């Protein structure tokens, strides 16, 4: 006697619990070898029927296949996936080399102003300028700092004034 609700696989001869939806005709378990044996047995039964003996042979079948292929051109060809275009290429990080202090020509390093800002400000500036380039963000940051200082009645610092002059032609910033 086999355990209640279980069946003995016809291939590996071990007990398994059949799927309730297929219990009436599931005689093989879910192992890869057993599924393969089930498929082979099913095909053997199908081919042994007299009406299926010449199913894939003859001129009528050749015409049927040719008609189907004409109706479905490119069906068997691989479809290429559409490539997504990255907004910015990934950069490979490199270990920093020996750092030497470079003498500035009266200006400032781009990183001094724009990287000191919160990410939301940088994101907003990039959105407003329509550019994610460091030069554009830095020039816009300098102009916004100078404008803010002017509104608050403060004297603009040398860095902001120079940046205001240098970055006046940033792409997309003409509206600000």
C-alpha atoms as a PDB file:
ATOM      1  CA  UNK A   1       0.000   0.000   0.000  1.00  0.00           C
ATOM      2  CA  UNK A   2       1.240   3.452  -0.821  1.00  0.00           C
ATOM      3  CA  UNK A   3       0.730   6.375   1.530  1.00  0.00           C
ATOM      4  CA  UNK A   4      -2.612   8.115   1.137  1.00  0.00           C
ATOM      5  CA  UNK A   5      -2.660  10.704  -1.629  1.00  0.00           C
ATOM      6  CA  UNK A   6       0.734   9.713  -2.974  1.00  0.00           C
ATOM      7  CA  UNK A   7       1.672   7.945  -6.185  1.00  0.00           C
ATOM      8  CA  UNK A   8       4.635   5.900  -7.249  1.00  0.00           C
ATOM      9  CA  UNK A   9       6.592   7.494 -10.116  1.00  0.00           C
ATOM     10  CA  UNK A  10       6.717   5.206 -13.165  1.00  0.00           C
ATOM     11  CA  UNK A  11      10.326   6.217 -13.846  1.00  0.00           C
ATOM     12  CA  UNK A  12      12.201   6.471 -10.522  1.00  0.00           C
ATOM     13  CA  UNK A  13       9.636   4.398  -8.572  1.00  0.00           C
ATOM     14  CA  UNK A  14       9.615   6.764  -5.603  1.00  0.00           C
ATOM     15  CA  UNK A  15       6.467   8.109  -4.004  1.00  0.00           C
ATOM     16  CA  UNK A  16       5.402  11.683  -4.792  1.00  0.00           C
ATOM     17  CA  UNK A  17       2.428  13.911  -4.148  1.00  0.00           C
ATOM     18  CA  UNK A  18       0.752  14.709  -7.513  1.00  0.00           C
ATOM     19  CA  UNK A  19      -0.605  18.140  -8.312  1.00  0.00           C
ATOM     20  CA  UNK A  20      -4.308  18.162  -7.362  1.00  0.00           C
ATOM     21  CA  UNK A  21      -5.239  19.672 -10.744  1.00  0.00           C
ATOM     22  CA  UNK A  22      -3.500  16.854 -12.653  1.00  0.00           C
ATOM     23  CA  UNK A  23      -3.962  13.969 -10.234  1.00  0.00           C
ATOM     24  CA  UNK A  24      -6.077  11.982 -12.678  1.00  0.00           C
ATOM     25  CA  UNK A  25      -3.212  11.695 -15.208  1.00  0.00           C
ATOM     26  CA  UNK A  26       0.068  12.571 -13.469  1.00  0.00           C
ATOM     27  CA  UNK A  27       2.185   9.432 -13.222  1.00  0.00           C
ATOM     28  CA  UNK A  28       5.684  10.916 -13.023  1.00  0.00           C
ATOM     29  CA  UNK A  29       7.233  13.068 -10.291  1.00  0.00           C
ATOM     30  CA  UNK A  30       8.776  16.483 -10.869  1.00  0.00           C
ATOM     31  CA  UNK A  31      12.430  15.447 -11.142  1.00  0.00           C
ATOM     32  CA  UNK A  32      14.142  16.430 -14.380  1.00  0.00           C
ATOM     33  CA  UNK A  33      14.865  12.843 -15.457  1.00  0.00           C
ATOM     34  CA  UNK A  34      11.303  11.773 -14.694  1.00  0.00           C
ATOM     35  CA  UNK A  35       9.765  14.678 -16.623  1.00  0.00           C
ATOM     36  CA  UNK A  36      11.975  13.779 -19.567  1.00  0.00           C
ATOM     37  CA  UNK A  37      10.834  10.143 -19.376  1.00  0.00           C
ATOM     38  CA  UNK A  38       7.206  11.304 -19.169  1.00  0.00           C
ATOM     39  CA  UNK A  39       7.629  13.419 -22.304  1.00  0.00           C
ATOM     40  CA  UNK A  40       9.225  10.529 -24.188  1.00  0.00           C
ATOM     41  CA  UNK A  41       6.415   8.178 -23.181  1.00  0.00           C
ATOM     42  CA  UNK A  42       3.812  10.734 -24.227  1.00  0.00           C
ATOM     43  CA  UNK A  43       5.428  11.233 -27.637  1.00  0.00           C
ATOM     44  CA  UNK A  44       5.734   7.477 -28.106  1.00  0.00           C
ATOM     45  CA  UNK A  45       1.989   7.066 -27.427  1.00  0.00           C
ATOM     46  CA  UNK A  46       1.107   9.930 -29.815  1.00  0.00           C
ATOM     47  CA  UNK A  47       3.237   8.547 -32.657  1.00  0.00           C
ATOM     48  CA  UNK A  48       1.843   5.032 -32.212  1.00  0.00           C
ATOM     49  CA  UNK A  49      -1.678   6.162 -33.194  1.00  0.00           C
ATOM     50  CA  UNK A  50      -2.496   5.451 -36.856  1.00  0.00           C
ATOM     51  CA  UNK A  51      -3.785   8.977 -37.590  1.00  0.00           C
ATOM     52  CA  UNK A  52      -0.457  10.476 -36.503  1.00  0.00           C
ATOM     53  CA  UNK A  53       1.841   8.079 -38.378  1.00  0.00           C
ATOM     54  CA  UNK A  54       2.712  10.449 -41.248  1.00  0.00           C
ATOM     55  CA  UNK A  55       1.913  13.752 -39.564  1.00  0.00           C
ATOM     56  CA  UNK A  56       5.252  15.420 -40.301  1.00  0.00           C
ATOM     57  CA  UNK A  57       5.770  13.838 -43.729  1.00  0.00           C
ATOM     58  CA  UNK A  58       4.453  14.435 -47.213  1.00  0.00           C
ATOM     59  CA  UNK A  59       3.966  17.337 -49.570  1.00  0.00           C
ATOM     60  CA  UNK A  60       0.859  18.570 -47.716  1.00  0.00           C
ATOM     61  CA  UNK A  61       2.880  18.981 -44.509  1.00  0.00           C
ATOM     62  CA  UNK A  62       5.697  20.733 -46.351  1.00  0.00           C
ATOM     63  CA  UNK A  63       3.189  23.194 -47.816  1.00  0.00           C
ATOM     64  CA  UNK A  64       1.583  23.696 -44.387  1.00  0.00           C
ATOM     65  CA  UNK A  65       4.946  24.524 -42.790  1.00  0.00           C
ATOM     66  CA  UNK A  66       5.930  26.840 -45.647  1.00  0.00           C
ATOM     67  CA  UNK A  67       2.633  28.713 -45.400  1.00  0.00           C
ATOM     68  CA  UNK A  68       3.054  29.128 -41.660  1.00  0.00           C
ATOM     69  CA  UNK A  69       6.613  30.427 -42.103  1.00  0.00           C
ATOM     70  CA  UNK A  70       5.438  32.977 -44.684  1.00  0.00           C
ATOM     71  CA  UNK A  71       2.729  34.133 -42.284  1.00  0.00           C
ATOM     72  CA  UNK A  72       5.237  34.437 -39.391  1.00  0.00           C
ATOM     73  CA  UNK A  73       8.495  35.832 -40.829  1.00  0.00           C
ATOM     74  CA  UNK A  74      11.383  36.073 -38.400  1.00  0.00           C
ATOM     75  CA  UNK A  75       9.614  33.979 -35.730  1.00  0.00           C
ATOM     76  CA  UNK A  76      12.633  31.800 -34.993  1.00  0.00           C
ATOM     77  CA  UNK A  77      15.174  34.631 -35.132  1.00  0.00           C
ATOM     78  CA  UNK A  78      16.443  36.113 -31.914  1.00  0.00           C
ATOM     79  CA  UNK A  79      15.163  39.542 -31.166  1.00  0.00           C
ATOM     80  CA  UNK A  80      17.747  41.969 -29.944  1.00  0.00           C
ATOM     81  CA  UNK A  81      16.930  43.755 -26.747  1.00  0.00           C
ATOM     82  CA  UNK A  82      16.679  47.476 -27.029  1.00  0.00           C
ATOM     83  CA  UNK A  83      19.701  48.989 -25.408  1.00  0.00           C
ATOM     84  CA  UNK A  84      19.024  51.613 -22.831  1.00  0.00           C
ATOM     85  CA  UNK A  85      21.121  54.698 -23.168  1.00  0.00           C
ATOM     86  CA  UNK A  86      22.838  55.666 -19.962  1.00  0.00           C
ATOM     87  CA  UNK A  87      22.748  59.302 -19.026  1.00  0.00           C
ATOM     88  CA  UNK A  88      26.266  59.096 -17.749  1.00  0.00           C
ATOM     89  CA  UNK A  89      28.913  56.429 -18.117  1.00  0.00           C
ATOM     90  CA  UNK A  90      30.103  54.672 -15.000  1.00  0.00           C
ATOM     91  CA  UNK A  91      33.534  55.737 -13.918  1.00  0.00           C
ATOM     92  CA  UNK A  92      36.130  53.276 -12.726  1.00  0.00           C
ATOM     93  CA  UNK A  93      37.419  54.379  -9.366  1.00  0.00           C
ATOM     94  CA  UNK A  94      41.137  54.836  -9.108  1.00  0.00           C
ATOM     95  CA  UNK A  95      43.318  55.174  -6.072  1.00  0.00           C
ATOM     96  CA  UNK A  96      44.376  58.788  -5.679  1.00  0.00           C
ATOM     97  CA  UNK A  97      47.978  59.471  -6.455  1.00  0.00           C
ATOM     98  CA  UNK A  98      50.264  61.800  -4.598  1.00  0.00           C
ATOM     99  CA  UNK A  99      48.469  65.108  -4.227  1.00  0.00           C
ATOM    100  CA  UNK A 100      50.305  68.303  -4.912  1.00  0.00           C
ATOM    101  CA  UNK A 101      48.830  71.692  -4.197  1.00  0.00           C
ATOM    102  CA  UNK A 102      48.408  73.447  -7.481  1.00  0.00           C
ATOM    103  CA  UNK A 103      48.766  77.173  -7.525  1.00  0.00           C
ATOM    104  CA  UNK A 104      45.487  78.721  -8.551  1.00  0.00           C
ATOM    105  CA  UNK A 105      45.390  81.647 -10.915  1.00  0.00           C
ATOM    106  CA  UNK A 106      43.149  83.670  -8.632  1.00  0.00           C
ATOM    107  CA  UNK A 107      40.191  81.386  -9.243  1.00  0.00           C
ATOM    108  CA  UNK A 108      38.863  78.502  -7.241  1.00  0.00           C
ATOM    109  CA  UNK A 109      38.593  74.795  -7.709  1.00  0.00           C
ATOM    110  CA  UNK A 110      35.246  73.723  -9.150  1.00  0.00           C
ATOM    111  CA  UNK A 111      34.796  71.208  -6.356  1.00  0.00           C
ATOM    112  CA  UNK A 112      35.052  73.873  -3.641  1.00  0.00           C
ATOM    113  CA  UNK A 113      31.588  75.283  -4.228  1.00  0.00           C
ATOM    114  CA  UNK A 114      29.435  72.725  -5.936  1.00  0.00           C
ATOM    115  CA  UNK A 115      30.449  69.629  -3.954  1.00  0.00           C
ATOM    116  CA  UNK A 116      29.938  71.488  -0.680  1.00  0.00           C
ATOM    117  CA  UNK A 117      26.239  71.856  -1.506  1.00  0.00           C
ATOM    118  CA  UNK A 118      23.594  69.330  -0.402  1.00  0.00           C
ATOM    119  CA  UNK A 119      22.709  66.716  -3.050  1.00  0.00           C
ATOM    120  CA  UNK A 120      19.222  68.172  -3.451  1.00  0.00           C
ATOM    121  CA  UNK A 121      20.710  71.528  -4.479  1.00  0.00           C
ATOM    122  CA  UNK A 122      23.069  69.864  -6.946  1.00  0.00           C
ATOM    123  CA  UNK A 123      20.167  67.852  -8.366  1.00  0.00           C
ATOM    124  CA  UNK A 124      18.034  70.968  -8.674  1.00  0.00           C
ATOM    125  CA  UNK A 125      20.805  72.865 -10.437  1.00  0.00           C
ATOM    126  CA  UNK A 126      21.407  69.953 -12.814  1.00  0.00           C
ATOM    127  CA  UNK A 127      17.687  69.849 -13.548  1.00  0.00           C
ATOM    128  CA  UNK A 128      17.446  73.589 -14.151  1.00  0.00           C
ATOM    129  CA  UNK A 129      20.491  73.730 -16.408  1.00  0.00           C
ATOM    130  CA  UNK A 130      19.597  70.523 -18.197  1.00  0.00           C
ATOM    131  CA  UNK A 131      23.175  69.365 -17.799  1.00  0.00           C
ATOM    132  CA  UNK A 132      25.013  67.031 -15.440  1.00  0.00           C
ATOM    133  CA  UNK A 133      28.436  68.386 -16.365  1.00  0.00           C
ATOM    134  CA  UNK A 134      30.601  69.521 -13.477  1.00  0.00           C
ATOM    135  CA  UNK A 135      31.521  72.821 -15.174  1.00  0.00           C
ATOM    136  CA  UNK A 136      27.888  73.780 -15.750  1.00  0.00           C
ATOM    137  CA  UNK A 137      26.862  72.889 -12.203  1.00  0.00           C
ATOM    138  CA  UNK A 138      29.833  74.757 -10.735  1.00  0.00           C
ATOM    139  CA  UNK A 139      29.195  77.917 -12.759  1.00  0.00           C
ATOM    140  CA  UNK A 140      25.496  77.888 -11.913  1.00  0.00           C
ATOM    141  CA  UNK A 141      26.318  77.328  -8.216  1.00  0.00           C
ATOM    142  CA  UNK A 142      28.611  80.354  -8.247  1.00  0.00           C
ATOM    143  CA  UNK A 143      25.966  82.522  -9.903  1.00  0.00           C
ATOM    144  CA  UNK A 144      23.296  81.403  -7.440  1.00  0.00           C
ATOM    145  CA  UNK A 145      25.577  82.096  -4.464  1.00  0.00           C
ATOM    146  CA  UNK A 146      26.356  85.581  -5.823  1.00  0.00           C
ATOM    147  CA  UNK A 147      22.669  86.280  -6.443  1.00  0.00           C
ATOM    148  CA  UNK A 148      21.777  85.071  -2.940  1.00  0.00           C
ATOM    149  CA  UNK A 149      24.458  87.247  -1.383  1.00  0.00           C
ATOM    150  CA  UNK A 150      23.206  90.243  -3.368  1.00  0.00           C
ATOM    151  CA  UNK A 151      19.621  89.631  -2.211  1.00  0.00           C
ATOM    152  CA  UNK A 152      20.772  89.385   1.398  1.00  0.00           C
ATOM    153  CA  UNK A 153      22.722  92.634   1.087  1.00  0.00           C
ATOM    154  CA  UNK A 154      26.113  90.987   1.462  1.00  0.00           C
ATOM    155  CA  UNK A 155      29.135  91.876  -0.588  1.00  0.00           C
ATOM    156  CA  UNK A 156      29.811  88.996  -2.990  1.00  0.00           C
ATOM    157  CA  UNK A 157      33.063  87.165  -2.341  1.00  0.00           C
ATOM    158  CA  UNK A 158      35.833  87.216  -4.948  1.00  0.00           C
ATOM    159  CA  UNK A 159      35.189  83.586  -5.864  1.00  0.00           C
ATOM    160  CA  UNK A 160      31.511  84.175  -6.555  1.00  0.00           C
ATOM    161  CA  UNK A 161      32.086  87.287  -8.638  1.00  0.00           C
ATOM    162  CA  UNK A 162      34.722  85.600 -10.747  1.00  0.00           C
ATOM    163  CA  UNK A 163      32.542  82.545 -11.159  1.00  0.00           C
ATOM    164  CA  UNK A 164      29.612  84.757 -12.086  1.00  0.00           C
ATOM    165  CA  UNK A 165      31.615  86.275 -14.918  1.00  0.00           C
ATOM    166  CA  UNK A 166      33.243  83.005 -15.975  1.00  0.00           C
ATOM    167  CA  UNK A 167      30.087  80.905 -15.942  1.00  0.00           C
ATOM    168  CA  UNK A 168      27.636  83.326 -17.490  1.00  0.00           C
ATOM    169  CA  UNK A 169      27.323  81.259 -20.646  1.00  0.00           C
ATOM    170  CA  UNK A 170      26.386  77.943 -19.041  1.00  0.00           C
ATOM    171  CA  UNK A 171      24.090  75.853 -21.193  1.00  0.00           C
ATOM    172  CA  UNK A 172      20.449  76.166 -20.245  1.00  0.00           C
ATOM    173  CA  UNK A 173      21.100  78.740 -17.508  1.00  0.00           C
ATOM    174  CA  UNK A 174      20.012  81.792 -19.464  1.00  0.00           C
ATOM    175  CA  UNK A 175      16.529  81.700 -17.959  1.00  0.00           C
ATOM    176  CA  UNK A 176      17.753  82.120 -14.373  1.00  0.00           C
END
